[in-house]
Amino acid sequence: MLNTEDIQTISNTVCRDMLGLEFESGEADGTRMLSMVACIAISGDYRAVVEVAMTPKAANEVTTAMCGLEPGEVQESDVADSIGEIVNIIGGNIKGAIPGETKLSLPCVSLNADESQENSSPEKRQVFFRLAGEPFAVTLIPG
């Protein structure tokens, strides 16, 4: 089973190498809603969901870096594509670190997620970052 340090390393490496962005380590920030969410399922010998959640400002930072757009050029579809691709790549790297035969689903994206859907599984592993001062979370939920 991967621990939070493994997830943090994978996430930071993917985002740095893919986007050229350095994420700062962060903590849970209950005052801001992480309403931009993408998730992807791992199935097979190991089953889990990988979720990436961020604020709209952090999502725009990711999108401008990924798509080479100016902030005013970002469309909602660009944001959905970008955070879907981020969870796909992070999920693929997590899947690759897990022994056994596994498959990765297609990503699912919500640009207006309801915070009340939070999973409180004691087995979940969650890491927090800051991007442009905004919270960004990566969660692995075994199941």
N, C-alpha and C. Protein backbone atom coordinates (compact mmCIF):
# COMPACT_ATOMS: atom_id res chain seq x y z
N MET A 1 0.84 -1.18 0.00
CA MET A 1 0.00 0.00 0.00
C MET A 1 0.88 1.24 0.00
N LEU A 2 0.54 2.17 -0.83
CA LEU A 2 1.28 3.42 -0.87
C LEU A 2 0.96 4.28 0.35
N ASN A 3 1.95 5.00 0.83
CA ASN A 3 1.71 5.90 1.96
C ASN A 3 1.59 7.33 1.44
N THR A 4 1.31 8.26 2.32
CA THR A 4 1.12 9.64 1.89
C THR A 4 2.38 10.24 1.28
N GLU A 5 3.55 9.83 1.77
CA GLU A 5 4.80 10.34 1.20
C GLU A 5 4.96 9.89 -0.25
N ASP A 6 4.60 8.63 -0.55
CA ASP A 6 4.65 8.13 -1.93
C ASP A 6 3.73 8.94 -2.84
N ILE A 7 2.53 9.19 -2.36
CA ILE A 7 1.54 9.94 -3.15
C ILE A 7 2.01 11.37 -3.35
N GLN A 8 2.60 11.96 -2.33
CA GLN A 8 3.12 13.32 -2.45
C GLN A 8 4.25 13.37 -3.48
N THR A 9 5.15 12.42 -3.44
CA THR A 9 6.27 12.38 -4.38
C THR A 9 5.77 12.21 -5.81
N ILE A 10 4.88 11.25 -6.02
CA ILE A 10 4.32 11.02 -7.36
C ILE A 10 3.63 12.28 -7.88
N SER A 11 2.78 12.86 -7.06
CA SER A 11 2.01 14.04 -7.48
C SER A 11 2.91 15.22 -7.81
N ASN A 12 3.86 15.48 -6.94
CA ASN A 12 4.75 16.62 -7.16
C ASN A 12 5.62 16.41 -8.40
N THR A 13 6.11 15.20 -8.60
CA THR A 13 6.94 14.90 -9.76
C THR A 13 6.14 15.07 -11.05
N VAL A 14 4.93 14.53 -11.08
CA VAL A 14 4.09 14.65 -12.28
C VAL A 14 3.83 16.12 -12.60
N CYS A 15 3.43 16.88 -11.60
CA CYS A 15 3.08 18.28 -11.84
C CYS A 15 4.30 19.13 -12.19
N ARG A 16 5.42 18.85 -11.58
CA ARG A 16 6.64 19.59 -11.91
C ARG A 16 7.11 19.26 -13.32
N ASP A 17 7.15 17.96 -13.66
CA ASP A 17 7.65 17.56 -14.97
C ASP A 17 6.68 17.91 -16.09
N MET A 18 5.39 17.79 -15.83
CA MET A 18 4.40 18.02 -16.86
C MET A 18 4.06 19.50 -17.02
N LEU A 19 3.99 20.21 -15.91
CA LEU A 19 3.52 21.60 -15.95
C LEU A 19 4.62 22.62 -15.71
N GLY A 20 5.75 22.15 -15.20
CA GLY A 20 6.80 23.10 -14.84
C GLY A 20 6.45 23.91 -13.60
N LEU A 21 5.53 23.38 -12.80
CA LEU A 21 5.08 24.08 -11.59
C LEU A 21 5.58 23.35 -10.36
N GLU A 22 6.03 24.12 -9.39
CA GLU A 22 6.41 23.54 -8.11
C GLU A 22 5.28 23.77 -7.12
N PHE A 23 4.77 22.71 -6.57
CA PHE A 23 3.74 22.83 -5.56
C PHE A 23 4.41 22.88 -4.20
N GLU A 24 3.91 23.73 -3.35
CA GLU A 24 4.39 23.79 -1.97
C GLU A 24 3.58 22.80 -1.15
N SER A 25 4.20 22.19 -0.16
CA SER A 25 3.44 21.34 0.75
C SER A 25 2.42 22.21 1.46
N GLY A 26 1.28 21.65 1.74
CA GLY A 26 0.22 22.42 2.38
C GLY A 26 -0.53 21.58 3.39
N GLU A 27 -1.55 22.16 3.94
CA GLU A 27 -2.41 21.48 4.89
C GLU A 27 -3.85 21.66 4.45
N ALA A 28 -4.73 20.86 5.03
CA ALA A 28 -6.15 20.99 4.73
C ALA A 28 -6.60 22.41 5.04
N ASP A 29 -7.37 22.96 4.14
CA ASP A 29 -7.87 24.33 4.31
C ASP A 29 -9.39 24.27 4.24
N GLY A 30 -10.03 24.20 5.39
CA GLY A 30 -11.47 24.05 5.44
C GLY A 30 -12.24 25.30 5.08
N THR A 31 -11.53 26.43 4.91
CA THR A 31 -12.24 27.67 4.62
C THR A 31 -12.51 27.86 3.13
N ARG A 32 -11.88 27.07 2.30
CA ARG A 32 -12.07 27.21 0.85
C ARG A 32 -12.55 25.89 0.27
N MET A 33 -13.52 25.97 -0.57
CA MET A 33 -14.08 24.77 -1.17
C MET A 33 -13.22 24.32 -2.36
N LEU A 34 -12.84 23.08 -2.34
CA LEU A 34 -12.10 22.48 -3.45
C LEU A 34 -13.14 21.95 -4.44
N SER A 35 -13.73 22.84 -5.21
CA SER A 35 -14.90 22.49 -6.02
C SER A 35 -14.56 21.89 -7.37
N MET A 36 -13.33 21.98 -7.81
CA MET A 36 -12.91 21.40 -9.09
C MET A 36 -12.30 20.03 -8.78
N VAL A 37 -12.99 18.96 -9.20
CA VAL A 37 -12.60 17.60 -8.80
C VAL A 37 -12.55 16.69 -10.01
N ALA A 38 -11.52 15.87 -10.05
CA ALA A 38 -11.41 14.81 -11.06
C ALA A 38 -11.03 13.53 -10.33
N CYS A 39 -11.60 12.42 -10.77
CA CYS A 39 -11.25 11.14 -10.15
C CYS A 39 -11.10 10.07 -11.22
N ILE A 40 -10.39 9.02 -10.84
CA ILE A 40 -10.15 7.89 -11.74
C ILE A 40 -10.06 6.64 -10.88
N ALA A 41 -10.57 5.53 -11.39
CA ALA A 41 -10.59 4.29 -10.61
C ALA A 41 -9.48 3.34 -11.06
N ILE A 42 -8.93 2.66 -10.08
CA ILE A 42 -7.97 1.58 -10.32
C ILE A 42 -8.71 0.29 -9.97
N SER A 43 -8.69 -0.68 -10.87
CA SER A 43 -9.35 -1.95 -10.61
C SER A 43 -8.39 -3.10 -10.89
N GLY A 44 -8.78 -4.28 -10.45
CA GLY A 44 -7.94 -5.46 -10.64
C GLY A 44 -7.51 -6.02 -9.30
N ASP A 45 -6.23 -6.41 -9.20
CA ASP A 45 -5.71 -6.97 -7.96
C ASP A 45 -5.76 -5.98 -6.81
N TYR A 46 -5.75 -4.71 -7.14
CA TYR A 46 -5.88 -3.63 -6.14
C TYR A 46 -6.96 -2.69 -6.64
N ARG A 47 -7.84 -2.30 -5.74
CA ARG A 47 -8.95 -1.41 -6.12
C ARG A 47 -8.86 -0.12 -5.30
N ALA A 48 -9.00 1.00 -6.01
CA ALA A 48 -8.95 2.30 -5.34
C ALA A 48 -9.48 3.38 -6.28
N VAL A 49 -9.72 4.53 -5.71
CA VAL A 49 -10.05 5.72 -6.48
C VAL A 49 -8.99 6.77 -6.18
N VAL A 50 -8.52 7.43 -7.22
CA VAL A 50 -7.59 8.54 -7.07
C VAL A 50 -8.38 9.80 -7.39
N GLU A 51 -8.31 10.78 -6.49
CA GLU A 51 -9.05 12.02 -6.67
C GLU A 51 -8.09 13.21 -6.58
N VAL A 52 -8.27 14.15 -7.48
CA VAL A 52 -7.56 15.42 -7.44
C VAL A 52 -8.61 16.50 -7.26
N ALA A 53 -8.43 17.37 -6.26
CA ALA A 53 -9.40 18.43 -6.00
C ALA A 53 -8.66 19.75 -5.79
N MET A 54 -9.26 20.82 -6.30
CA MET A 54 -8.61 22.13 -6.20
C MET A 54 -9.65 23.24 -6.30
N THR A 55 -9.20 24.44 -5.98
CA THR A 55 -10.06 25.60 -6.12
C THR A 55 -10.09 26.02 -7.59
N PRO A 56 -11.06 26.83 -7.98
CA PRO A 56 -11.08 27.33 -9.36
C PRO A 56 -9.81 28.08 -9.75
N LYS A 57 -9.24 28.86 -8.82
CA LYS A 57 -8.00 29.59 -9.14
C LYS A 57 -6.85 28.62 -9.41
N ALA A 58 -6.71 27.59 -8.59
CA ALA A 58 -5.66 26.59 -8.82
C ALA A 58 -5.91 25.85 -10.13
N ALA A 59 -7.17 25.55 -10.44
CA ALA A 59 -7.50 24.88 -11.70
C ALA A 59 -7.12 25.75 -12.90
N ASN A 60 -7.33 27.05 -12.78
CA ASN A 60 -6.92 27.95 -13.87
C ASN A 60 -5.40 28.00 -14.02
N GLU A 61 -4.67 27.95 -12.90
CA GLU A 61 -3.20 27.91 -12.96
C GLU A 61 -2.72 26.65 -13.68
N VAL A 62 -3.32 25.52 -13.33
CA VAL A 62 -2.97 24.24 -13.97
C VAL A 62 -3.28 24.32 -15.46
N THR A 63 -4.44 24.85 -15.80
CA THR A 63 -4.87 24.90 -17.20
C THR A 63 -3.99 25.82 -18.04
N THR A 64 -3.65 26.99 -17.52
CA THR A 64 -2.79 27.88 -18.30
C THR A 64 -1.43 27.25 -18.53
N ALA A 65 -0.89 26.57 -17.51
CA ALA A 65 0.41 25.91 -17.66
C ALA A 65 0.33 24.74 -18.64
N MET A 66 -0.72 23.94 -18.54
CA MET A 66 -0.84 22.75 -19.38
C MET A 66 -1.13 23.09 -20.83
N CYS A 67 -1.99 24.07 -21.05
CA CYS A 67 -2.46 24.38 -22.40
C CYS A 67 -1.71 25.54 -23.05
N GLY A 68 -0.83 26.20 -22.30
CA GLY A 68 -0.10 27.33 -22.85
C GLY A 68 -1.01 28.52 -23.15
N LEU A 69 -2.05 28.69 -22.35
CA LEU A 69 -3.01 29.77 -22.56
C LEU A 69 -2.73 30.93 -21.63
N GLU A 70 -3.19 32.08 -22.01
CA GLU A 70 -3.19 33.24 -21.11
C GLU A 70 -4.39 33.09 -20.19
N PRO A 71 -4.33 33.62 -18.96
CA PRO A 71 -5.45 33.46 -18.02
C PRO A 71 -6.81 33.84 -18.59
N GLY A 72 -6.91 34.89 -19.37
CA GLY A 72 -8.19 35.31 -19.94
C GLY A 72 -8.70 34.43 -21.07
N GLU A 73 -7.86 33.53 -21.56
CA GLU A 73 -8.25 32.65 -22.67
C GLU A 73 -8.84 31.31 -22.21
N VAL A 74 -8.76 31.02 -20.92
CA VAL A 74 -9.18 29.72 -20.40
C VAL A 74 -10.70 29.56 -20.47
N GLN A 75 -11.13 28.47 -21.09
CA GLN A 75 -12.55 28.12 -21.17
C GLN A 75 -12.83 26.97 -20.20
N GLU A 76 -14.08 26.80 -19.83
CA GLU A 76 -14.47 25.73 -18.92
C GLU A 76 -14.05 24.35 -19.44
N SER A 77 -14.17 24.14 -20.75
CA SER A 77 -13.78 22.85 -21.33
C SER A 77 -12.27 22.62 -21.20
N ASP A 78 -11.47 23.69 -21.26
CA ASP A 78 -10.02 23.57 -21.06
C ASP A 78 -9.71 23.11 -19.64
N VAL A 79 -10.43 23.69 -18.68
CA VAL A 79 -10.24 23.32 -17.27
C VAL A 79 -10.60 21.86 -17.06
N ALA A 80 -11.74 21.42 -17.59
CA ALA A 80 -12.16 20.02 -17.45
C ALA A 80 -11.13 19.08 -18.06
N ASP A 81 -10.66 19.40 -19.26
CA ASP A 81 -9.64 18.56 -19.91
C ASP A 81 -8.35 18.51 -19.09
N SER A 82 -7.94 19.65 -18.56
CA SER A 82 -6.68 19.72 -17.83
C SER A 82 -6.71 18.95 -16.52
N ILE A 83 -7.76 19.14 -15.72
CA ILE A 83 -7.77 18.42 -14.45
C ILE A 83 -8.06 16.93 -14.67
N GLY A 84 -8.78 16.60 -15.74
CA GLY A 84 -8.96 15.19 -16.10
C GLY A 84 -7.63 14.55 -16.48
N GLU A 85 -6.81 15.29 -17.21
CA GLU A 85 -5.50 14.77 -17.61
C GLU A 85 -4.56 14.65 -16.42
N ILE A 86 -4.62 15.61 -15.50
CA ILE A 86 -3.78 15.54 -14.29
C ILE A 86 -4.10 14.28 -13.49
N VAL A 87 -5.40 14.02 -13.24
CA VAL A 87 -5.75 12.83 -12.46
C VAL A 87 -5.41 11.56 -13.23
N ASN A 88 -5.51 11.59 -14.55
CA ASN A 88 -5.15 10.43 -15.36
C ASN A 88 -3.65 10.10 -15.22
N ILE A 89 -2.82 11.12 -15.26
CA ILE A 89 -1.38 10.88 -15.18
C ILE A 89 -0.96 10.51 -13.75
N ILE A 90 -1.49 11.23 -12.76
CA ILE A 90 -1.17 10.87 -11.36
C ILE A 90 -1.69 9.47 -11.08
N GLY A 91 -2.94 9.17 -11.49
CA GLY A 91 -3.51 7.83 -11.29
C GLY A 91 -2.69 6.75 -11.97
N GLY A 92 -2.22 7.03 -13.18
CA GLY A 92 -1.39 6.06 -13.90
C GLY A 92 -0.07 5.80 -13.20
N ASN A 93 0.52 6.84 -12.64
CA ASN A 93 1.77 6.66 -11.88
C ASN A 93 1.54 5.91 -10.58
N ILE A 94 0.42 6.17 -9.92
CA ILE A 94 0.08 5.42 -8.71
C ILE A 94 -0.16 3.96 -9.07
N LYS A 95 -0.93 3.71 -10.13
CA LYS A 95 -1.20 2.35 -10.61
C LYS A 95 0.11 1.61 -10.89
N GLY A 96 1.06 2.31 -11.51
CA GLY A 96 2.35 1.71 -11.84
C GLY A 96 3.19 1.36 -10.62
N ALA A 97 2.92 1.98 -9.49
CA ALA A 97 3.67 1.72 -8.26
C ALA A 97 3.05 0.60 -7.44
N ILE A 98 1.92 0.07 -7.89
CA ILE A 98 1.21 -0.97 -7.16
C ILE A 98 1.50 -2.32 -7.81
N PRO A 99 1.92 -3.31 -7.03
CA PRO A 99 2.18 -4.63 -7.63
C PRO A 99 0.88 -5.32 -8.04
N GLY A 100 0.99 -6.21 -8.99
CA GLY A 100 -0.17 -6.97 -9.45
C GLY A 100 -0.73 -6.41 -10.74
N GLU A 101 -1.79 -7.03 -11.19
CA GLU A 101 -2.43 -6.63 -12.44
C GLU A 101 -3.57 -5.67 -12.13
N THR A 102 -3.49 -4.49 -12.71
CA THR A 102 -4.52 -3.47 -12.48
C THR A 102 -4.85 -2.76 -13.79
N LYS A 103 -6.01 -2.12 -13.78
CA LYS A 103 -6.45 -1.31 -14.92
C LYS A 103 -6.87 0.05 -14.40
N LEU A 104 -6.84 1.04 -15.29
CA LEU A 104 -7.22 2.39 -14.97
C LEU A 104 -8.46 2.76 -15.78
N SER A 105 -9.45 3.35 -15.12
CA SER A 105 -10.67 3.78 -15.82
C SER A 105 -10.41 5.10 -16.54
N LEU A 106 -11.42 5.57 -17.22
CA LEU A 106 -11.38 6.92 -17.77
C LEU A 106 -11.65 7.90 -16.62
N PRO A 107 -11.12 9.11 -16.70
CA PRO A 107 -11.36 10.07 -15.63
C PRO A 107 -12.79 10.61 -15.66
N CYS A 108 -13.25 11.02 -14.50
CA CYS A 108 -14.54 11.67 -14.32
C CYS A 108 -14.25 13.04 -13.71
N VAL A 109 -14.84 14.09 -14.27
CA VAL A 109 -14.54 15.46 -13.85
C VAL A 109 -15.82 16.17 -13.43
N SER A 110 -15.74 16.91 -12.32
CA SER A 110 -16.82 17.79 -11.89
C SER A 110 -16.23 19.16 -11.60
N LEU A 111 -16.79 20.17 -12.25
CA LEU A 111 -16.29 21.53 -12.05
C LEU A 111 -17.08 22.29 -10.99
N ASN A 112 -18.01 21.59 -10.34
CA ASN A 112 -18.80 22.21 -9.29
C ASN A 112 -19.19 21.14 -8.27
N ALA A 113 -18.18 20.50 -7.71
CA ALA A 113 -18.41 19.40 -6.78
C ALA A 113 -18.96 19.90 -5.46
N ASP A 114 -19.75 19.06 -4.83
CA ASP A 114 -20.33 19.36 -3.52
C ASP A 114 -19.39 18.84 -2.45
N GLU A 115 -18.91 19.73 -1.60
CA GLU A 115 -17.96 19.36 -0.55
C GLU A 115 -18.50 18.27 0.37
N SER A 116 -19.82 18.15 0.47
CA SER A 116 -20.41 17.19 1.40
C SER A 116 -20.17 15.75 0.98
N GLN A 117 -19.63 15.52 -0.20
CA GLN A 117 -19.39 14.17 -0.69
C GLN A 117 -18.06 13.58 -0.18
N GLU A 118 -17.40 14.26 0.72
CA GLU A 118 -16.09 13.82 1.20
C GLU A 118 -16.13 12.41 1.77
N ASN A 119 -15.14 11.61 1.43
CA ASN A 119 -15.02 10.24 1.91
C ASN A 119 -14.22 10.25 3.21
N SER A 120 -14.76 9.61 4.24
CA SER A 120 -14.07 9.60 5.53
C SER A 120 -13.45 8.25 5.85
N SER A 121 -13.14 7.45 4.83
CA SER A 121 -12.53 6.15 5.03
C SER A 121 -11.23 6.29 5.82
N PRO A 122 -11.04 5.47 6.85
CA PRO A 122 -9.80 5.55 7.63
C PRO A 122 -8.58 5.10 6.82
N GLU A 123 -8.80 4.42 5.70
CA GLU A 123 -7.70 3.93 4.88
C GLU A 123 -7.26 4.91 3.81
N LYS A 124 -7.99 6.01 3.65
CA LYS A 124 -7.63 6.95 2.59
C LYS A 124 -6.32 7.64 2.91
N ARG A 125 -5.60 7.97 1.87
CA ARG A 125 -4.33 8.69 1.98
C ARG A 125 -4.51 10.00 1.24
N GLN A 126 -4.29 11.12 1.92
CA GLN A 126 -4.52 12.41 1.30
C GLN A 126 -3.35 13.33 1.55
N VAL A 127 -2.93 14.02 0.49
CA VAL A 127 -1.85 15.00 0.60
C VAL A 127 -2.36 16.33 0.07
N PHE A 128 -1.86 17.40 0.67
CA PHE A 128 -2.27 18.75 0.30
C PHE A 128 -1.07 19.53 -0.20
N PHE A 129 -1.32 20.33 -1.21
CA PHE A 129 -0.31 21.22 -1.77
C PHE A 129 -0.90 22.62 -1.83
N ARG A 130 -0.06 23.56 -2.19
CA ARG A 130 -0.50 24.92 -2.51
C ARG A 130 0.08 25.27 -3.87
N LEU A 131 -0.76 25.83 -4.69
CA LEU A 131 -0.37 26.30 -6.01
C LEU A 131 -0.88 27.73 -6.12
N ALA A 132 0.01 28.67 -6.30
CA ALA A 132 -0.36 30.09 -6.34
C ALA A 132 -1.15 30.47 -5.09
N GLY A 133 -0.77 29.89 -3.96
CA GLY A 133 -1.43 30.19 -2.70
C GLY A 133 -2.75 29.48 -2.49
N GLU A 134 -3.15 28.67 -3.44
CA GLU A 134 -4.44 27.99 -3.39
C GLU A 134 -4.27 26.51 -3.06
N PRO A 135 -5.21 25.93 -2.29
CA PRO A 135 -5.11 24.51 -1.95
C PRO A 135 -5.38 23.60 -3.13
N PHE A 136 -4.71 22.46 -3.11
CA PHE A 136 -4.76 21.44 -4.16
C PHE A 136 -4.56 20.12 -3.42
N ALA A 137 -5.47 19.16 -3.56
CA ALA A 137 -5.38 17.91 -2.80
C ALA A 137 -5.37 16.71 -3.75
N VAL A 138 -4.60 15.71 -3.37
CA VAL A 138 -4.60 14.41 -4.06
C VAL A 138 -4.93 13.35 -3.02
N THR A 139 -5.94 12.53 -3.33
CA THR A 139 -6.42 11.53 -2.38
C THR A 139 -6.43 10.16 -3.04
N LEU A 140 -5.96 9.15 -2.32
CA LEU A 140 -6.07 7.75 -2.71
C LEU A 140 -7.03 7.09 -1.74
N ILE A 141 -8.13 6.55 -2.28
CA ILE A 141 -9.16 5.93 -1.45
C ILE A 141 -9.23 4.45 -1.81
N PRO A 142 -8.61 3.58 -1.02
CA PRO A 142 -8.68 2.14 -1.29
C PRO A 142 -10.11 1.62 -1.15
N GLY A 143 -10.41 0.59 -1.89
CA GLY A 143 -11.75 0.03 -1.75
C GLY A 143 -12.08 -0.90 -2.75
